[in-house]
Amino acid sequence: MKERVSKMVGKMVALNDSSFRSFLELPKTQWMSNLLLFIVGLGYGAISIASNASYIASFDSALLQNFIVPAIFILFGMLMAFITKIGLALLLWAGSRGLGGKGMLRDINRAVPVALLPGLLGAPYLANAGNGHPLVYVLLAVGLIWMYLVCAKIIKTTQNFSAAKAYLAALAAFVFLASVYYLIIPPA
């Protein structure tokens, strides 16, 4: 009996190894991957709306306040989720190939939206929400670590790597991502 996809995704986020392979073998994997990406995009957009609530409220027009500006934030959240998915998939693919993996970019790409779900915990930091509150940094750290663990499971499943090799490939991808982030936005 096939388990419900939402339960399977929950198990993937909870780092259950067998759920990753089951997810990739589903006939509707691409559809579910796109749905997860849509949910992540909505999450990014909602966090941006919440962190910019005073800016949105500053518009005189109710149409702008209640529809147009929030819709723009949602669209940019969707765009950010899509770009993040592509970038993360390519980094995981490169880390896998660098350690002798088969590549399997299609499978990595379909599974990456699952890794973006815990990444939502870091979105308040990226949206400058919380104005330096310590909880924002804790959420960022938890989100990144959790995201790293999910990415390692994705690599392990798609490349048939040992756990150590999968964690090393994911680490290589995250180090490269951190260095690019540092070059683009150097610390103050």
C-alpha atoms as a PDB file:
ATOM      1  CA  MET A   1       0.000   0.000   0.000  1.00  0.00           C
ATOM      2  CA  LYS A   2       1.373   3.378  -0.995  1.00  0.00           C
ATOM      3  CA  GLU A   3       1.724   5.858   1.784  1.00  0.00           C
ATOM      4  CA  ARG A   4       0.379   9.355   1.332  1.00  0.00           C
ATOM      5  CA  VAL A   5       2.838  11.703  -0.327  1.00  0.00           C
ATOM      6  CA  SER A   6       2.486  14.331   2.399  1.00  0.00           C
ATOM      7  CA  LYS A   7       3.442  11.722   4.997  1.00  0.00           C
ATOM      8  CA  MET A   8       6.377  10.673   2.830  1.00  0.00           C
ATOM      9  CA  VAL A   9       7.600  14.264   2.532  1.00  0.00           C
ATOM     10  CA  GLY A  10       7.268  14.603   6.295  1.00  0.00           C
ATOM     11  CA  LYS A  11       9.443  11.521   6.726  1.00  0.00           C
ATOM     12  CA  MET A  12      11.971  12.961   4.283  1.00  0.00           C
ATOM     13  CA  VAL A  13      12.170  16.184   6.273  1.00  0.00           C
ATOM     14  CA  ALA A  14      12.564  13.971   9.359  1.00  0.00           C
ATOM     15  CA  LEU A  15      15.551  12.351   7.564  1.00  0.00           C
ATOM     16  CA  ASN A  16      14.063   8.885   6.947  1.00  0.00           C
ATOM     17  CA  ASP A  17      16.361   7.227   4.367  1.00  0.00           C
ATOM     18  CA  SER A  18      13.826   4.987   2.631  1.00  0.00           C
ATOM     19  CA  SER A  19      11.390   7.862   2.044  1.00  0.00           C
ATOM     20  CA  PHE A  20      13.827   9.597  -0.309  1.00  0.00           C
ATOM     21  CA  ARG A  21      13.965   6.611  -2.676  1.00  0.00           C
ATOM     22  CA  SER A  22      10.189   6.098  -2.428  1.00  0.00           C
ATOM     23  CA  PHE A  23       9.594   9.751  -3.268  1.00  0.00           C
ATOM     24  CA  LEU A  24      11.806   9.589  -6.361  1.00  0.00           C
ATOM     25  CA  GLU A  25      10.042   6.428  -7.560  1.00  0.00           C
ATOM     26  CA  LEU A  26       6.557   7.954  -7.427  1.00  0.00           C
ATOM     27  CA  PRO A  27       4.844   8.507 -10.780  1.00  0.00           C
ATOM     28  CA  LYS A  28       3.891  12.033  -9.665  1.00  0.00           C
ATOM     29  CA  THR A  29       7.292  13.028  -8.266  1.00  0.00           C
ATOM     30  CA  GLN A  30       7.723  16.041 -10.561  1.00  0.00           C
ATOM     31  CA  TRP A  31       4.244  17.317  -9.715  1.00  0.00           C
ATOM     32  CA  MET A  32       4.920  16.934  -5.976  1.00  0.00           C
ATOM     33  CA  SER A  33       8.304  18.582  -6.340  1.00  0.00           C
ATOM     34  CA  ASN A  34       6.683  21.558  -8.054  1.00  0.00           C
ATOM     35  CA  LEU A  35       3.989  21.728  -5.362  1.00  0.00           C
ATOM     36  CA  LEU A  36       6.647  21.758  -2.628  1.00  0.00           C
ATOM     37  CA  LEU A  37       8.509  24.501  -4.474  1.00  0.00           C
ATOM     38  CA  PHE A  38       5.261  26.489  -4.684  1.00  0.00           C
ATOM     39  CA  ILE A  39       4.747  26.082  -0.912  1.00  0.00           C
ATOM     40  CA  VAL A  40       8.312  27.213  -0.211  1.00  0.00           C
ATOM     41  CA  GLY A  41       7.803  30.218  -2.512  1.00  0.00           C
ATOM     42  CA  LEU A  42       4.627  31.119  -0.634  1.00  0.00           C
ATOM     43  CA  GLY A  43       6.579  30.820   2.614  1.00  0.00           C
ATOM     44  CA  TYR A  44       9.348  33.111   1.375  1.00  0.00           C
ATOM     45  CA  GLY A  45       6.756  35.604   0.153  1.00  0.00           C
ATOM     46  CA  ALA A  46       4.764  35.494   3.396  1.00  0.00           C
ATOM     47  CA  ILE A  47       7.898  36.090   5.463  1.00  0.00           C
ATOM     48  CA  SER A  48       8.801  39.029   3.219  1.00  0.00           C
ATOM     49  CA  ILE A  49       5.315  40.464   3.615  1.00  0.00           C
ATOM     50  CA  ALA A  50       5.501  40.103   7.405  1.00  0.00           C
ATOM     51  CA  SER A  51       8.936  41.706   7.599  1.00  0.00           C
ATOM     52  CA  ASN A  52       7.811  44.604   5.384  1.00  0.00           C
ATOM     53  CA  ALA A  53       4.375  45.132   6.922  1.00  0.00           C
ATOM     54  CA  SER A  54       5.032  48.768   7.852  1.00  0.00           C
ATOM     55  CA  TYR A  55       6.263  49.501   4.330  1.00  0.00           C
ATOM     56  CA  ILE A  56       3.185  47.871   2.809  1.00  0.00           C
ATOM     57  CA  ALA A  57       0.921  49.802   5.204  1.00  0.00           C
ATOM     58  CA  SER A  58       2.541  53.083   4.091  1.00  0.00           C
ATOM     59  CA  PHE A  59       0.763  52.979   0.729  1.00  0.00           C
ATOM     60  CA  ASP A  60      -2.320  55.192   0.507  1.00  0.00           C
ATOM     61  CA  SER A  61      -4.279  52.920  -1.797  1.00  0.00           C
ATOM     62  CA  ALA A  62      -6.109  49.945  -0.266  1.00  0.00           C
ATOM     63  CA  LEU A  63      -5.593  48.091  -3.559  1.00  0.00           C
ATOM     64  CA  LEU A  64      -1.826  48.519  -3.234  1.00  0.00           C
ATOM     65  CA  GLN A  65      -1.801  47.629   0.480  1.00  0.00           C
ATOM     66  CA  ASN A  66      -4.031  44.607   0.269  1.00  0.00           C
ATOM     67  CA  PHE A  67      -3.359  43.117  -3.127  1.00  0.00           C
ATOM     68  CA  ILE A  68      -0.731  44.500  -5.512  1.00  0.00           C
ATOM     69  CA  VAL A  69       2.265  44.924  -3.171  1.00  0.00           C
ATOM     70  CA  PRO A  70       1.672  41.625  -1.300  1.00  0.00           C
ATOM     71  CA  ALA A  71       1.264  39.887  -4.679  1.00  0.00           C
ATOM     72  CA  ILE A  72       4.620  41.311  -5.777  1.00  0.00           C
ATOM     73  CA  PHE A  73       6.237  39.983  -2.582  1.00  0.00           C
ATOM     74  CA  ILE A  74       4.660  36.562  -3.197  1.00  0.00           C
ATOM     75  CA  LEU A  75       5.885  36.546  -6.814  1.00  0.00           C
ATOM     76  CA  PHE A  76       9.395  37.462  -5.710  1.00  0.00           C
ATOM     77  CA  GLY A  77       9.191  34.740  -3.045  1.00  0.00           C
ATOM     78  CA  MET A  78       8.322  32.253  -5.788  1.00  0.00           C
ATOM     79  CA  LEU A  79      11.190  33.519  -7.926  1.00  0.00           C
ATOM     80  CA  MET A  80      13.584  33.298  -4.978  1.00  0.00           C
ATOM     81  CA  ALA A  81      12.466  29.712  -4.269  1.00  0.00           C
ATOM     82  CA  PHE A  82      12.945  28.750  -7.928  1.00  0.00           C
ATOM     83  CA  ILE A  83      16.406  30.305  -8.150  1.00  0.00           C
ATOM     84  CA  THR A  84      17.411  28.714  -4.839  1.00  0.00           C
ATOM     85  CA  LYS A  85      16.206  25.317  -6.079  1.00  0.00           C
ATOM     86  CA  ILE A  86      18.227  25.561  -9.287  1.00  0.00           C
ATOM     87  CA  GLY A  87      21.340  26.821  -7.521  1.00  0.00           C
ATOM     88  CA  LEU A  88      21.199  24.219  -4.757  1.00  0.00           C
ATOM     89  CA  ALA A  89      20.538  21.397  -7.218  1.00  0.00           C
ATOM     90  CA  LEU A  90      23.541  22.430  -9.307  1.00  0.00           C
ATOM     91  CA  LEU A  91      25.765  22.694  -6.224  1.00  0.00           C
ATOM     92  CA  LEU A  92      24.698  19.263  -4.977  1.00  0.00           C
ATOM     93  CA  TRP A  93      25.220  17.842  -8.448  1.00  0.00           C
ATOM     94  CA  ALA A  94      28.719  19.362  -8.623  1.00  0.00           C
ATOM     95  CA  GLY A  95      29.597  18.081  -5.144  1.00  0.00           C
ATOM     96  CA  SER A  96      28.388  14.621  -6.149  1.00  0.00           C
ATOM     97  CA  ARG A  97      30.263  14.592  -9.425  1.00  0.00           C
ATOM     98  CA  GLY A  98      33.384  15.866  -7.690  1.00  0.00           C
ATOM     99  CA  LEU A  99      33.374  12.769  -5.498  1.00  0.00           C
ATOM    100  CA  GLY A 100      32.759  10.370  -8.388  1.00  0.00           C
ATOM    101  CA  GLY A 101      28.972  10.223  -8.371  1.00  0.00           C
ATOM    102  CA  LYS A 102      26.791   9.527 -11.397  1.00  0.00           C
ATOM    103  CA  GLY A 103      25.351  13.018 -11.357  1.00  0.00           C
ATOM    104  CA  MET A 104      21.640  12.274 -11.726  1.00  0.00           C
ATOM    105  CA  LEU A 105      20.788  15.981 -11.853  1.00  0.00           C
ATOM    106  CA  ARG A 106      17.143  15.226 -12.637  1.00  0.00           C
ATOM    107  CA  ASP A 107      16.672  13.244  -9.416  1.00  0.00           C
ATOM    108  CA  ILE A 108      18.585  15.801  -7.367  1.00  0.00           C
ATOM    109  CA  ASN A 109      16.506  18.603  -8.880  1.00  0.00           C
ATOM    110  CA  ARG A 110      13.239  16.822  -8.066  1.00  0.00           C
ATOM    111  CA  ALA A 111      14.250  16.189  -4.449  1.00  0.00           C
ATOM    112  CA  VAL A 112      15.766  19.613  -3.646  1.00  0.00           C
ATOM    113  CA  PRO A 113      12.441  21.331  -2.759  1.00  0.00           C
ATOM    114  CA  VAL A 114      12.285  19.001   0.251  1.00  0.00           C
ATOM    115  CA  ALA A 115      15.610  20.498   1.432  1.00  0.00           C
ATOM    116  CA  LEU A 116      14.191  23.997   1.021  1.00  0.00           C
ATOM    117  CA  LEU A 117      11.433  23.311   3.575  1.00  0.00           C
ATOM    118  CA  PRO A 118      13.732  23.449   6.628  1.00  0.00           C
ATOM    119  CA  GLY A 119      15.527  26.306   4.902  1.00  0.00           C
ATOM    120  CA  LEU A 120      12.414  28.384   5.554  1.00  0.00           C
ATOM    121  CA  LEU A 121      13.628  28.669   9.150  1.00  0.00           C
ATOM    122  CA  GLY A 122      16.461  30.877   7.855  1.00  0.00           C
ATOM    123  CA  ALA A 123      14.189  33.071   5.732  1.00  0.00           C
ATOM    124  CA  PRO A 124      13.539  35.645   8.490  1.00  0.00           C
ATOM    125  CA  TYR A 125      17.283  36.330   8.590  1.00  0.00           C
ATOM    126  CA  LEU A 126      17.441  36.753   4.825  1.00  0.00           C
ATOM    127  CA  ALA A 127      14.399  39.053   4.880  1.00  0.00           C
ATOM    128  CA  ASN A 128      15.926  41.142   7.694  1.00  0.00           C
ATOM    129  CA  ALA A 129      13.016  40.266   9.960  1.00  0.00           C
ATOM    130  CA  GLY A 130      13.546  40.376  13.700  1.00  0.00           C
ATOM    131  CA  ASN A 131      16.164  43.131  13.591  1.00  0.00           C
ATOM    132  CA  GLY A 132      18.996  41.084  15.056  1.00  0.00           C
ATOM    133  CA  HIS A 133      16.925  39.192  17.624  1.00  0.00           C
ATOM    134  CA  PRO A 134      18.911  36.134  18.831  1.00  0.00           C
ATOM    135  CA  LEU A 135      16.043  33.799  17.901  1.00  0.00           C
ATOM    136  CA  VAL A 136      16.493  34.745  14.234  1.00  0.00           C
ATOM    137  CA  TYR A 137      20.105  33.524  14.388  1.00  0.00           C
ATOM    138  CA  VAL A 138      19.085  30.317  16.153  1.00  0.00           C
ATOM    139  CA  LEU A 139      16.433  29.667  13.478  1.00  0.00           C
ATOM    140  CA  LEU A 140      19.016  30.360  10.763  1.00  0.00           C
ATOM    141  CA  ALA A 141      21.507  27.907  12.287  1.00  0.00           C
ATOM    142  CA  VAL A 142      18.878  25.199  12.819  1.00  0.00           C
ATOM    143  CA  GLY A 143      17.517  25.729   9.290  1.00  0.00           C
ATOM    144  CA  LEU A 144      20.961  25.502   7.668  1.00  0.00           C
ATOM    145  CA  ILE A 145      22.002  22.410   9.624  1.00  0.00           C
ATOM    146  CA  TRP A 146      18.708  20.687   8.919  1.00  0.00           C
ATOM    147  CA  MET A 147      18.896  21.668   5.266  1.00  0.00           C
ATOM    148  CA  TYR A 148      22.448  20.265   5.102  1.00  0.00           C
ATOM    149  CA  LEU A 149      21.292  16.955   6.584  1.00  0.00           C
ATOM    150  CA  VAL A 150      18.437  16.679   4.063  1.00  0.00           C
ATOM    151  CA  CYS A 151      20.833  17.522   1.212  1.00  0.00           C
ATOM    152  CA  ALA A 152      23.204  14.769   2.357  1.00  0.00           C
ATOM    153  CA  LYS A 153      20.289  12.294   2.304  1.00  0.00           C
ATOM    154  CA  ILE A 154      19.377  13.450  -1.209  1.00  0.00           C
ATOM    155  CA  ILE A 155      22.947  12.859  -2.385  1.00  0.00           C
ATOM    156  CA  LYS A 156      23.162   9.517  -0.607  1.00  0.00           C
ATOM    157  CA  THR A 157      19.958   8.354  -2.303  1.00  0.00           C
ATOM    158  CA  THR A 158      20.540   9.718  -5.797  1.00  0.00           C
ATOM    159  CA  GLN A 159      24.230   8.802  -6.032  1.00  0.00           C
ATOM    160  CA  ASN A 160      24.217   5.563  -3.994  1.00  0.00           C
ATOM    161  CA  PHE A 161      26.984   7.045  -1.846  1.00  0.00           C
ATOM    162  CA  SER A 162      27.973   5.900   1.608  1.00  0.00           C
ATOM    163  CA  ALA A 163      26.772   8.211   4.365  1.00  0.00           C
ATOM    164  CA  ALA A 164      30.263   9.673   4.882  1.00  0.00           C
ATOM    165  CA  LYS A 165      30.726  10.399   1.175  1.00  0.00           C
ATOM    166  CA  ALA A 166      27.240  11.958   0.937  1.00  0.00           C
ATOM    167  CA  TYR A 167      27.903  14.240   3.910  1.00  0.00           C
ATOM    168  CA  LEU A 168      31.253  15.240   2.387  1.00  0.00           C
ATOM    169  CA  ALA A 169      29.648  16.039  -0.987  1.00  0.00           C
ATOM    170  CA  ALA A 170      26.926  18.106   0.724  1.00  0.00           C
ATOM    171  CA  LEU A 171      29.584  19.872   2.794  1.00  0.00           C
ATOM    172  CA  ALA A 172      31.508  20.767  -0.364  1.00  0.00           C
ATOM    173  CA  ALA A 173      28.336  22.251  -1.856  1.00  0.00           C
ATOM    174  CA  PHE A 174      27.573  24.244   1.308  1.00  0.00           C
ATOM    175  CA  VAL A 175      31.146  25.547   1.619  1.00  0.00           C
ATOM    176  CA  PHE A 176      31.020  26.722  -1.984  1.00  0.00           C
ATOM    177  CA  LEU A 177      27.622  28.342  -1.347  1.00  0.00           C
ATOM    178  CA  ALA A 178      28.951  30.092   1.763  1.00  0.00           C
ATOM    179  CA  SER A 179      31.979  31.393  -0.118  1.00  0.00           C
ATOM    180  CA  VAL A 180      29.816  32.764  -2.927  1.00  0.00           C
ATOM    181  CA  TYR A 181      27.482  34.359  -0.367  1.00  0.00           C
ATOM    182  CA  TYR A 182      30.515  35.891   1.376  1.00  0.00           C
ATOM    183  CA  LEU A 183      31.813  37.336  -1.919  1.00  0.00           C
ATOM    184  CA  ILE A 184      28.438  38.814  -2.832  1.00  0.00           C
ATOM    185  CA  ILE A 185      27.550  40.129   0.639  1.00  0.00           C
ATOM    186  CA  PRO A 186      30.752  40.552   2.672  1.00  0.00           C
ATOM    187  CA  PRO A 187      30.380  41.019   6.423  1.00  0.00           C
ATOM    188  CA  ALA A 188      30.070  44.588   7.639  1.00  0.00           C
END
